[in-house]
Amino acid sequence: MARKYSIDEKKAQIAGLLHDWDKCLNDEELLERAIKFDIELVEGIEDMAALLHALTGAVAFRLQSDD
């Protein structure tokens, strides 16, 4: 997709990896992490917790980068 839109492929690869930082967590872990990170949760997200992986991953990565 990066090539199709003339985007730097290496940067796109890194962005994809960062986006999926928390992809390996299960729904319960994602919800716990979102609450821990004070991420505002919309009504019904419990049924779609897997969608939180990009948000929780971004915060987790940022916190690790700050250390």
C-alpha atoms as a PDB file:
ATOM      1  CA  MET A   1       0.000   0.000   0.000  1.00  0.00           C
ATOM      2  CA  ALA A   2       2.889   2.358   0.794  1.00  0.00           C
ATOM      3  CA  ARG A   3       4.318   1.848  -2.665  1.00  0.00           C
ATOM      4  CA  LYS A   4       0.934   2.482  -4.285  1.00  0.00           C
ATOM      5  CA  TYR A   5       0.608   5.834  -2.488  1.00  0.00           C
ATOM      6  CA  SER A   6       4.300   6.765  -2.865  1.00  0.00           C
ATOM      7  CA  ILE A   7       4.964   6.604   0.866  1.00  0.00           C
ATOM      8  CA  ASP A   8       8.337   5.616   2.288  1.00  0.00           C
ATOM      9  CA  GLU A   9       7.985   1.846   2.683  1.00  0.00           C
ATOM     10  CA  LYS A  10      10.304   1.587   5.689  1.00  0.00           C
ATOM     11  CA  LYS A  11       8.370   4.298   7.552  1.00  0.00           C
ATOM     12  CA  ALA A  12       5.091   2.581   6.702  1.00  0.00           C
ATOM     13  CA  GLN A  13       6.453  -0.712   8.024  1.00  0.00           C
ATOM     14  CA  ILE A  14       7.490   0.917  11.296  1.00  0.00           C
ATOM     15  CA  ALA A  15       4.096   2.641  11.587  1.00  0.00           C
ATOM     16  CA  GLY A  16       2.363  -0.706  11.120  1.00  0.00           C
ATOM     17  CA  LEU A  17       4.453  -2.326  13.825  1.00  0.00           C
ATOM     18  CA  LEU A  18       3.785   0.509  16.249  1.00  0.00           C
ATOM     19  CA  HIS A  19       0.065   0.420  15.439  1.00  0.00           C
ATOM     20  CA  ASP A  20      -0.057  -3.257  16.430  1.00  0.00           C
ATOM     21  CA  TRP A  21       2.136  -2.850  19.550  1.00  0.00           C
ATOM     22  CA  ASP A  22      -0.606  -4.328  21.823  1.00  0.00           C
ATOM     23  CA  LYS A  23      -2.265  -6.593  19.246  1.00  0.00           C
ATOM     24  CA  CYS A  24      -1.194  -9.701  21.194  1.00  0.00           C
ATOM     25  CA  LEU A  25      -3.245  -8.753  24.283  1.00  0.00           C
ATOM     26  CA  ASN A  26      -6.652 -10.315  24.849  1.00  0.00           C
ATOM     27  CA  ASP A  27      -9.832  -8.268  25.342  1.00  0.00           C
ATOM     28  CA  GLU A  28      -9.610  -8.272  29.138  1.00  0.00           C
ATOM     29  CA  GLU A  29      -5.971  -7.142  29.070  1.00  0.00           C
ATOM     30  CA  LEU A  30      -6.766  -4.376  26.583  1.00  0.00           C
ATOM     31  CA  LEU A  31      -9.643  -3.085  28.699  1.00  0.00           C
ATOM     32  CA  GLU A  32      -7.504  -3.169  31.853  1.00  0.00           C
ATOM     33  CA  ARG A  33      -4.697  -1.351  30.084  1.00  0.00           C
ATOM     34  CA  ALA A  34      -7.060   1.278  28.663  1.00  0.00           C
ATOM     35  CA  ILE A  35      -8.396   1.968  32.143  1.00  0.00           C
ATOM     36  CA  LYS A  36      -4.863   2.082  33.584  1.00  0.00           C
ATOM     37  CA  PHE A  37      -3.821   4.570  30.877  1.00  0.00           C
ATOM     38  CA  ASP A  38      -6.967   6.666  31.482  1.00  0.00           C
ATOM     39  CA  ILE A  39      -8.166   6.228  27.899  1.00  0.00           C
ATOM     40  CA  GLU A  40     -11.760   7.395  27.523  1.00  0.00           C
ATOM     41  CA  LEU A  41     -13.898   4.372  26.678  1.00  0.00           C
ATOM     42  CA  VAL A  42     -17.036   4.690  24.595  1.00  0.00           C
ATOM     43  CA  GLU A  43     -20.179   2.808  25.503  1.00  0.00           C
ATOM     44  CA  GLY A  44     -20.139  -0.768  24.225  1.00  0.00           C
ATOM     45  CA  ILE A  45     -16.370  -0.988  23.671  1.00  0.00           C
ATOM     46  CA  GLU A  46     -16.336  -4.121  25.836  1.00  0.00           C
ATOM     47  CA  ASP A  47     -17.858  -5.957  22.871  1.00  0.00           C
ATOM     48  CA  MET A  48     -15.114  -4.661  20.548  1.00  0.00           C
ATOM     49  CA  ALA A  49     -12.131  -4.409  22.909  1.00  0.00           C
ATOM     50  CA  ALA A  50      -9.729  -5.607  20.215  1.00  0.00           C
ATOM     51  CA  LEU A  51     -10.107  -2.171  18.613  1.00  0.00           C
ATOM     52  CA  LEU A  52      -8.299  -0.670  21.612  1.00  0.00           C
ATOM     53  CA  HIS A  53      -4.948  -2.180  20.614  1.00  0.00           C
ATOM     54  CA  ALA A  54      -3.833   0.859  18.630  1.00  0.00           C
ATOM     55  CA  LEU A  55      -4.701   3.288  21.429  1.00  0.00           C
ATOM     56  CA  THR A  56      -3.200   1.273  24.275  1.00  0.00           C
ATOM     57  CA  GLY A  57      -0.160   0.469  22.172  1.00  0.00           C
ATOM     58  CA  ALA A  58       0.461   4.133  21.410  1.00  0.00           C
ATOM     59  CA  VAL A  59       0.344   5.059  25.093  1.00  0.00           C
ATOM     60  CA  ALA A  60       2.487   2.083  26.135  1.00  0.00           C
ATOM     61  CA  PHE A  61       5.097   2.884  23.505  1.00  0.00           C
ATOM     62  CA  ARG A  62       5.138   6.539  24.490  1.00  0.00           C
ATOM     63  CA  LEU A  63       5.588   5.677  28.160  1.00  0.00           C
ATOM     64  CA  GLN A  64       8.482   3.336  27.339  1.00  0.00           C
ATOM     65  CA  SER A  65      10.067   6.006  25.160  1.00  0.00           C
ATOM     66  CA  ASP A  66       9.910   8.511  28.017  1.00  0.00           C
ATOM     67  CA  ASP A  67      12.041   6.285  30.280  1.00  0.00           C
END
